[in-house]
Amino acid sequence: MITKAEVINLITKKIPNSKVFVENLKGNDHLQVTVIASEFYGLSLVKQHQLVYSALKEELASEAIHALALKTETPN
């Protein structure tokens, strides 16, 4: 099991100035995550998602996070 705070911490370590929002969809292992970061400027959607996945790779591999709905955005 992983907490919302742990998910936020892992992502902000990898993407320091990001804003991260985490919502439980089902239990604590089905999550919806929104990440807003200036680091995403110039990156394709696939590259943006790969950056976030790399921050959570251990948690995804161990199935601490079983399902992840991911949304990435650049700041306005």
PDB file of N, CA and C in Angstrom:
ATOM      1  N   MET A   1       0.846  -1.186   0.000  1.00  0.00           N
ATOM      2  CA  MET A   1       0.000   0.000   0.000  1.00  0.00           C
ATOM      3  C   MET A   1       0.890   1.248   0.000  1.00  0.00           C
ATOM      4  N   ILE A   2       0.471   2.228  -0.769  1.00  0.00           N
ATOM      5  CA  ILE A   2       1.217   3.477  -0.848  1.00  0.00           C
ATOM      6  C   ILE A   2       0.263   4.632  -0.536  1.00  0.00           C
ATOM      7  N   THR A   3       0.776   5.633   0.135  1.00  0.00           N
ATOM      8  CA  THR A   3      -0.061   6.778   0.494  1.00  0.00           C
ATOM      9  C   THR A   3       0.013   7.867  -0.581  1.00  0.00           C
ATOM     10  N   LYS A   4      -0.963   8.746  -0.556  1.00  0.00           N
ATOM     11  CA  LYS A   4      -0.952   9.883  -1.476  1.00  0.00           C
ATOM     12  C   LYS A   4       0.312  10.711  -1.280  1.00  0.00           C
ATOM     13  N   ALA A   5       0.686  10.924  -0.033  1.00  0.00           N
ATOM     14  CA  ALA A   5       1.882  11.723   0.274  1.00  0.00           C
ATOM     15  C   ALA A   5       3.139  11.084  -0.306  1.00  0.00           C
ATOM     16  N   GLU A   6       3.225   9.760  -0.259  1.00  0.00           N
ATOM     17  CA  GLU A   6       4.393   9.072  -0.819  1.00  0.00           C
ATOM     18  C   GLU A   6       4.451   9.235  -2.336  1.00  0.00           C
ATOM     19  N   VAL A   7       3.310   9.155  -2.991  1.00  0.00           N
ATOM     20  CA  VAL A   7       3.263   9.337  -4.444  1.00  0.00           C
ATOM     21  C   VAL A   7       3.710  10.760  -4.797  1.00  0.00           C
ATOM     22  N   ILE A   8       3.184  11.733  -4.095  1.00  0.00           N
ATOM     23  CA  ILE A   8       3.549  13.130  -4.333  1.00  0.00           C
ATOM     24  C   ILE A   8       5.042  13.328  -4.114  1.00  0.00           C
ATOM     25  N   ASN A   9       5.577  12.763  -3.045  1.00  0.00           N
ATOM     26  CA  ASN A   9       6.994  12.895  -2.736  1.00  0.00           C
ATOM     27  C   ASN A   9       7.868  12.285  -3.831  1.00  0.00           C
ATOM     28  N   LEU A  10       7.527  11.102  -4.299  1.00  0.00           N
ATOM     29  CA  LEU A  10       8.310  10.438  -5.343  1.00  0.00           C
ATOM     30  C   LEU A  10       8.321  11.248  -6.635  1.00  0.00           C
ATOM     31  N   ILE A  11       7.169  11.771  -7.005  1.00  0.00           N
ATOM     32  CA  ILE A  11       7.101  12.540  -8.253  1.00  0.00           C
ATOM     33  C   ILE A  11       7.831  13.869  -8.116  1.00  0.00           C
ATOM     34  N   THR A  12       7.671  14.554  -6.982  1.00  0.00           N
ATOM     35  CA  THR A  12       8.342  15.858  -6.826  1.00  0.00           C
ATOM     36  C   THR A  12       9.851  15.713  -6.658  1.00  0.00           C
ATOM     37  N   LYS A  13      10.314  14.552  -6.237  1.00  0.00           N
ATOM     38  CA  LYS A  13      11.765  14.301  -6.222  1.00  0.00           C
ATOM     39  C   LYS A  13      12.302  14.260  -7.646  1.00  0.00           C
ATOM     40  N   LYS A  14      11.556  13.622  -8.546  1.00  0.00           N
ATOM     41  CA  LYS A  14      11.969  13.458  -9.938  1.00  0.00           C
ATOM     42  C   LYS A  14      11.701  14.722 -10.747  1.00  0.00           C
ATOM     43  N   ILE A  15      10.609  15.408 -10.435  1.00  0.00           N
ATOM     44  CA  ILE A  15      10.213  16.628 -11.152  1.00  0.00           C
ATOM     45  C   ILE A  15      10.014  17.716 -10.094  1.00  0.00           C
ATOM     46  N   PRO A  16      11.099  18.365  -9.684  1.00  0.00           N
ATOM     47  CA  PRO A  16      11.106  19.220  -8.491  1.00  0.00           C
ATOM     48  C   PRO A  16      10.057  20.321  -8.393  1.00  0.00           C
ATOM     49  N   ASN A  17       9.752  21.035  -9.442  1.00  0.00           N
ATOM     50  CA  ASN A  17       8.821  22.162  -9.320  1.00  0.00           C
ATOM     51  C   ASN A  17       7.409  21.820  -9.769  1.00  0.00           C
ATOM     52  N   SER A  18       7.077  20.545  -9.708  1.00  0.00           N
ATOM     53  CA  SER A  18       5.763  20.115 -10.182  1.00  0.00           C
ATOM     54  C   SER A  18       4.690  20.266  -9.109  1.00  0.00           C
ATOM     55  N   LYS A  19       3.464  20.368  -9.583  1.00  0.00           N
ATOM     56  CA  LYS A  19       2.298  20.304  -8.700  1.00  0.00           C
ATOM     57  C   LYS A  19       1.656  18.958  -8.973  1.00  0.00           C
ATOM     58  N   VAL A  20       1.422  18.187  -7.923  1.00  0.00           N
ATOM     59  CA  VAL A  20       0.925  16.821  -8.067  1.00  0.00           C
ATOM     60  C   VAL A  20      -0.366  16.669  -7.271  1.00  0.00           C
ATOM     61  N   PHE A  21      -1.363  16.104  -7.929  1.00  0.00           N
ATOM     62  CA  PHE A  21      -2.650  15.838  -7.295  1.00  0.00           C
ATOM     63  C   PHE A  21      -2.945  14.353  -7.426  1.00  0.00           C
ATOM     64  N   VAL A  22      -3.281  13.703  -6.316  1.00  0.00           N
ATOM     65  CA  VAL A  22      -3.517  12.262  -6.304  1.00  0.00           C
ATOM     66  C   VAL A  22      -4.913  11.993  -5.763  1.00  0.00           C
ATOM     67  N   GLU A  23      -5.618  11.115  -6.454  1.00  0.00           N
ATOM     68  CA  GLU A  23      -6.967  10.734  -6.048  1.00  0.00           C
ATOM     69  C   GLU A  23      -7.064   9.209  -6.054  1.00  0.00           C
ATOM     70  N   ASN A  24      -7.624   8.656  -4.996  1.00  0.00           N
ATOM     71  CA  ASN A  24      -7.867   7.213  -4.964  1.00  0.00           C
ATOM     72  C   ASN A  24      -9.117   6.911  -5.768  1.00  0.00           C
ATOM     73  N   LEU A  25      -8.996   5.993  -6.728  1.00  0.00           N
ATOM     74  CA  LEU A  25     -10.161   5.589  -7.518  1.00  0.00           C
ATOM     75  C   LEU A  25     -10.816   4.355  -6.930  1.00  0.00           C
ATOM     76  N   LYS A  26      -9.998   3.433  -6.440  1.00  0.00           N
ATOM     77  CA  LYS A  26     -10.521   2.192  -5.862  1.00  0.00           C
ATOM     78  C   LYS A  26      -9.448   1.651  -4.924  1.00  0.00           C
ATOM     79  N   GLY A  27      -9.757   1.579  -3.652  1.00  0.00           N
ATOM     80  CA  GLY A  27      -8.739   1.154  -2.696  1.00  0.00           C
ATOM     81  C   GLY A  27      -7.612   2.167  -2.679  1.00  0.00           C
ATOM     82  N   ASN A  28      -6.442   1.735  -2.277  1.00  0.00           N
ATOM     83  CA  ASN A  28      -5.287   2.635  -2.282  1.00  0.00           C
ATOM     84  C   ASN A  28      -4.299   2.281  -3.380  1.00  0.00           C
ATOM     85  N   ASP A  29      -4.680   1.362  -4.280  1.00  0.00           N
ATOM     86  CA  ASP A  29      -3.734   0.977  -5.326  1.00  0.00           C
ATOM     87  C   ASP A  29      -4.215   1.312  -6.736  1.00  0.00           C
ATOM     88  N   HIS A  30      -5.393   1.908  -6.867  1.00  0.00           N
ATOM     89  CA  HIS A  30      -5.906   2.404  -8.139  1.00  0.00           C
ATOM     90  C   HIS A  30      -5.959   3.925  -8.011  1.00  0.00           C
ATOM     91  N   LEU A  31      -5.049   4.603  -8.694  1.00  0.00           N
ATOM     92  CA  LEU A  31      -4.889   6.034  -8.493  1.00  0.00           C
ATOM     93  C   LEU A  31      -5.097   6.829  -9.767  1.00  0.00           C
ATOM     94  N   GLN A  32      -5.590   8.044  -9.588  1.00  0.00           N
ATOM     95  CA  GLN A  32      -5.606   9.028 -10.658  1.00  0.00           C
ATOM     96  C   GLN A  32      -4.635  10.124 -10.235  1.00  0.00           C
ATOM     97  N   VAL A  33      -3.653  10.380 -11.073  1.00  0.00           N
ATOM     98  CA  VAL A  33      -2.616  11.355 -10.743  1.00  0.00           C
ATOM     99  C   VAL A  33      -2.571  12.419 -11.831  1.00  0.00           C
ATOM    100  N   THR A  34      -2.564  13.668 -11.400  1.00  0.00           N
ATOM    101  CA  THR A  34      -2.390  14.806 -12.309  1.00  0.00           C
ATOM    102  C   THR A  34      -1.089  15.496 -11.920  1.00  0.00           C
ATOM    103  N   VAL A  35      -0.235  15.719 -12.918  1.00  0.00           N
ATOM    104  CA  VAL A  35       1.045  16.382 -12.678  1.00  0.00           C
ATOM    105  C   VAL A  35       1.130  17.596 -13.595  1.00  0.00           C
ATOM    106  N   ILE A  36       1.379  18.760 -13.000  1.00  0.00           N
ATOM    107  CA  ILE A  36       1.547  20.000 -13.748  1.00  0.00           C
ATOM    108  C   ILE A  36       2.992  20.446 -13.545  1.00  0.00           C
ATOM    109  N   ALA A  37       3.723  20.552 -14.669  1.00  0.00           N
ATOM    110  CA  ALA A  37       5.149  20.868 -14.541  1.00  0.00           C
ATOM    111  C   ALA A  37       5.666  21.611 -15.769  1.00  0.00           C
ATOM    112  N   SER A  38       6.498  22.615 -15.538  1.00  0.00           N
ATOM    113  CA  SER A  38       7.123  23.336 -16.649  1.00  0.00           C
ATOM    114  C   SER A  38       8.129  22.443 -17.371  1.00  0.00           C
ATOM    115  N   GLU A  39       8.617  21.389 -16.713  1.00  0.00           N
ATOM    116  CA  GLU A  39       9.544  20.446 -17.349  1.00  0.00           C
ATOM    117  C   GLU A  39       8.905  19.739 -18.538  1.00  0.00           C
ATOM    118  N   PHE A  40       7.592  19.776 -18.636  1.00  0.00           N
ATOM    119  CA  PHE A  40       6.896  19.115 -19.734  1.00  0.00           C
ATOM    120  C   PHE A  40       6.891  19.931 -21.029  1.00  0.00           C
ATOM    121  N   TYR A  41       7.255  21.217 -20.950  1.00  0.00           N
ATOM    122  CA  TYR A  41       7.289  22.038 -22.168  1.00  0.00           C
ATOM    123  C   TYR A  41       8.199  21.392 -23.196  1.00  0.00           C
ATOM    124  N   GLY A  42       7.698  21.263 -24.414  1.00  0.00           N
ATOM    125  CA  GLY A  42       8.503  20.715 -25.499  1.00  0.00           C
ATOM    126  C   GLY A  42       8.545  19.197 -25.554  1.00  0.00           C
ATOM    127  N   LEU A  43       7.963  18.529 -24.559  1.00  0.00           N
ATOM    128  CA  LEU A  43       7.945  17.063 -24.547  1.00  0.00           C
ATOM    129  C   LEU A  43       6.616  16.550 -25.088  1.00  0.00           C
ATOM    130  N   SER A  44       6.676  15.445 -25.809  1.00  0.00           N
ATOM    131  CA  SER A  44       5.438  14.811 -26.261  1.00  0.00           C
ATOM    132  C   SER A  44       4.699  14.257 -25.045  1.00  0.00           C
ATOM    133  N   LEU A  45       3.438  13.951 -25.228  1.00  0.00           N
ATOM    134  CA  LEU A  45       2.644  13.376 -24.144  1.00  0.00           C
ATOM    135  C   LEU A  45       3.278  12.061 -23.666  1.00  0.00           C
ATOM    136  N   VAL A  46       3.768  11.270 -24.588  1.00  0.00           N
ATOM    137  CA  VAL A  46       4.417  10.001 -24.227  1.00  0.00           C
ATOM    138  C   VAL A  46       5.637  10.258 -23.343  1.00  0.00           C
ATOM    139  N   LYS A  47       6.463  11.233 -23.717  1.00  0.00           N
ATOM    140  CA  LYS A  47       7.668  11.548 -22.931  1.00  0.00           C
ATOM    141  C   LYS A  47       7.292  12.097 -21.548  1.00  0.00           C
ATOM    142  N   GLN A  48       6.228  12.892 -21.488  1.00  0.00           N
ATOM    143  CA  GLN A  48       5.764  13.408 -20.197  1.00  0.00           C
ATOM    144  C   GLN A  48       5.373  12.253 -19.280  1.00  0.00           C
ATOM    145  N   HIS A  49       4.604  11.315 -19.822  1.00  0.00           N
ATOM    146  CA  HIS A  49       4.151  10.175 -19.030  1.00  0.00           C
ATOM    147  C   HIS A  49       5.319   9.286 -18.634  1.00  0.00           C
ATOM    148  N   GLN A  50       6.269   9.100 -19.538  1.00  0.00           N
ATOM    149  CA  GLN A  50       7.444   8.282 -19.213  1.00  0.00           C
ATOM    150  C   GLN A  50       8.224   8.890 -18.048  1.00  0.00           C
ATOM    151  N   LEU A  51       8.300  10.204 -17.994  1.00  0.00           N
ATOM    152  CA  LEU A  51       8.992  10.883 -16.899  1.00  0.00           C
ATOM    153  C   LEU A  51       8.313  10.591 -15.560  1.00  0.00           C
ATOM    154  N   VAL A  52       6.994  10.643 -15.548  1.00  0.00           N
ATOM    155  CA  VAL A  52       6.251  10.352 -14.318  1.00  0.00           C
ATOM    156  C   VAL A  52       6.368   8.867 -13.964  1.00  0.00           C
ATOM    157  N   TYR A  53       6.218   7.994 -14.956  1.00  0.00           N
ATOM    158  CA  TYR A  53       6.347   6.550 -14.699  1.00  0.00           C
ATOM    159  C   TYR A  53       7.715   6.216 -14.118  1.00  0.00           C
ATOM    160  N   SER A  54       8.759   6.904 -14.591  1.00  0.00           N
ATOM    161  CA  SER A  54      10.104   6.619 -14.077  1.00  0.00           C
ATOM    162  C   SER A  54      10.223   6.956 -12.592  1.00  0.00           C
ATOM    163  N   ALA A  55       9.445   7.935 -12.141  1.00  0.00           N
ATOM    164  CA  ALA A  55       9.445   8.290 -10.721  1.00  0.00           C
ATOM    165  C   ALA A  55       8.750   7.230  -9.872  1.00  0.00           C
ATOM    166  N   LEU A  56       7.839   6.480 -10.502  1.00  0.00           N
ATOM    167  CA  LEU A  56       7.023   5.506  -9.767  1.00  0.00           C
ATOM    168  C   LEU A  56       7.325   4.060 -10.173  1.00  0.00           C
ATOM    169  N   LYS A  57       8.450   3.832 -10.857  1.00  0.00           N
ATOM    170  CA  LYS A  57       8.701   2.504 -11.439  1.00  0.00           C
ATOM    171  C   LYS A  57       8.715   1.380 -10.413  1.00  0.00           C
ATOM    172  N   GLU A  58       9.305   1.590  -9.254  1.00  0.00           N
ATOM    173  CA  GLU A  58       9.340   0.533  -8.232  1.00  0.00           C
ATOM    174  C   GLU A  58       7.945   0.233  -7.690  1.00  0.00           C
ATOM    175  N   GLU A  59       7.171   1.275  -7.485  1.00  0.00           N
ATOM    176  CA  GLU A  59       5.825   1.104  -6.938  1.00  0.00           C
ATOM    177  C   GLU A  59       4.901   0.418  -7.947  1.00  0.00           C
ATOM    178  N   LEU A  60       5.106   0.697  -9.238  1.00  0.00           N
ATOM    179  CA  LEU A  60       4.332   0.031 -10.280  1.00  0.00           C
ATOM    180  C   LEU A  60       4.765  -1.429 -10.420  1.00  0.00           C
ATOM    181  N   ALA A  61       6.075  -1.676 -10.376  1.00  0.00           N
ATOM    182  CA  ALA A  61       6.598  -3.036 -10.522  1.00  0.00           C
ATOM    183  C   ALA A  61       6.162  -3.938  -9.370  1.00  0.00           C
ATOM    184  N   SER A  62       6.120  -3.393  -8.159  1.00  0.00           N
ATOM    185  CA  SER A  62       5.730  -4.178  -6.987  1.00  0.00           C
ATOM    186  C   SER A  62       4.217  -4.247  -6.821  1.00  0.00           C
ATOM    187  N   GLU A  63       3.496  -3.528  -7.669  1.00  0.00           N
ATOM    188  CA  GLU A  63       2.042  -3.413  -7.626  1.00  0.00           C
ATOM    189  C   GLU A  63       1.518  -2.726  -6.362  1.00  0.00           C
ATOM    190  N   ALA A  64       2.380  -1.929  -5.721  1.00  0.00           N
ATOM    191  CA  ALA A  64       1.887  -1.029  -4.678  1.00  0.00           C
ATOM    192  C   ALA A  64       0.892  -0.068  -5.339  1.00  0.00           C
ATOM    193  N   ILE A  65       1.174   0.252  -6.621  1.00  0.00           N
ATOM    194  CA  ILE A  65       0.222   0.956  -7.467  1.00  0.00           C
ATOM    195  C   ILE A  65      -0.179  -0.052  -8.535  1.00  0.00           C
ATOM    196  N   HIS A  66      -1.415  -0.488  -8.478  1.00  0.00           N
ATOM    197  CA  HIS A  66      -1.896  -1.513  -9.403  1.00  0.00           C
ATOM    198  C   HIS A  66      -2.383  -0.897 -10.716  1.00  0.00           C
ATOM    199  N   ALA A  67      -3.055   0.246 -10.620  1.00  0.00           N
ATOM    200  CA  ALA A  67      -3.561   0.936 -11.806  1.00  0.00           C
ATOM    201  C   ALA A  67      -3.321   2.431 -11.643  1.00  0.00           C
ATOM    202  N   LEU A  68      -2.914   3.060 -12.746  1.00  0.00           N
ATOM    203  CA  LEU A  68      -2.589   4.480 -12.693  1.00  0.00           C
ATOM    204  C   LEU A  68      -3.224   5.201 -13.872  1.00  0.00           C
ATOM    205  N   ALA A  69      -4.143   6.106 -13.582  1.00  0.00           N
ATOM    206  CA  ALA A  69      -4.701   7.003 -14.595  1.00  0.00           C
ATOM    207  C   ALA A  69      -3.888   8.289 -14.485  1.00  0.00           C
ATOM    208  N   LEU A  70      -3.204   8.640 -15.556  1.00  0.00           N
ATOM    209  CA  LEU A  70      -2.243   9.736 -15.499  1.00  0.00           C
ATOM    210  C   LEU A  70      -2.634  10.860 -16.440  1.00  0.00           C
ATOM    211  N   LYS A  71      -2.562  12.083 -15.913  1.00  0.00           N
ATOM    212  CA  LYS A  71      -2.811  13.283 -16.703  1.00  0.00           C
ATOM    213  C   LYS A  71      -1.640  14.223 -16.462  1.00  0.00           C
ATOM    214  N   THR A  72      -1.045  14.714 -17.540  1.00  0.00           N
ATOM    215  CA  THR A  72       0.070  15.649 -17.400  1.00  0.00           C
ATOM    216  C   THR A  72      -0.275  16.931 -18.136  1.00  0.00           C
ATOM    217  N   GLU A  73       0.196  18.046 -17.575  1.00  0.00           N
ATOM    218  CA  GLU A  73      -0.087  19.371 -18.134  1.00  0.00           C
ATOM    219  C   GLU A  73       1.092  20.288 -17.903  1.00  0.00           C
ATOM    220  N   THR A  74       1.167  21.336 -18.728  1.00  0.00           N
ATOM    221  CA  THR A  74       2.128  22.408 -18.470  1.00  0.00           C
ATOM    222  C   THR A  74       1.366  23.536 -17.772  1.00  0.00           C
ATOM    223  N   PRO A  75       2.069  24.344 -16.972  1.00  0.00           N
ATOM    224  CA  PRO A  75       1.381  25.452 -16.289  1.00  0.00           C
ATOM    225  C   PRO A  75       0.895  26.494 -17.300  1.00  0.00           C
ATOM    226  N   ASN A  76      -0.156  27.216 -16.938  1.00  0.00           N
ATOM    227  CA  ASN A  76      -0.705  28.262 -17.826  1.00  0.00           C
ATOM    228  C   ASN A  76       0.174  29.470 -17.849  1.00  0.00           C
TER     229      ASN A  76
END
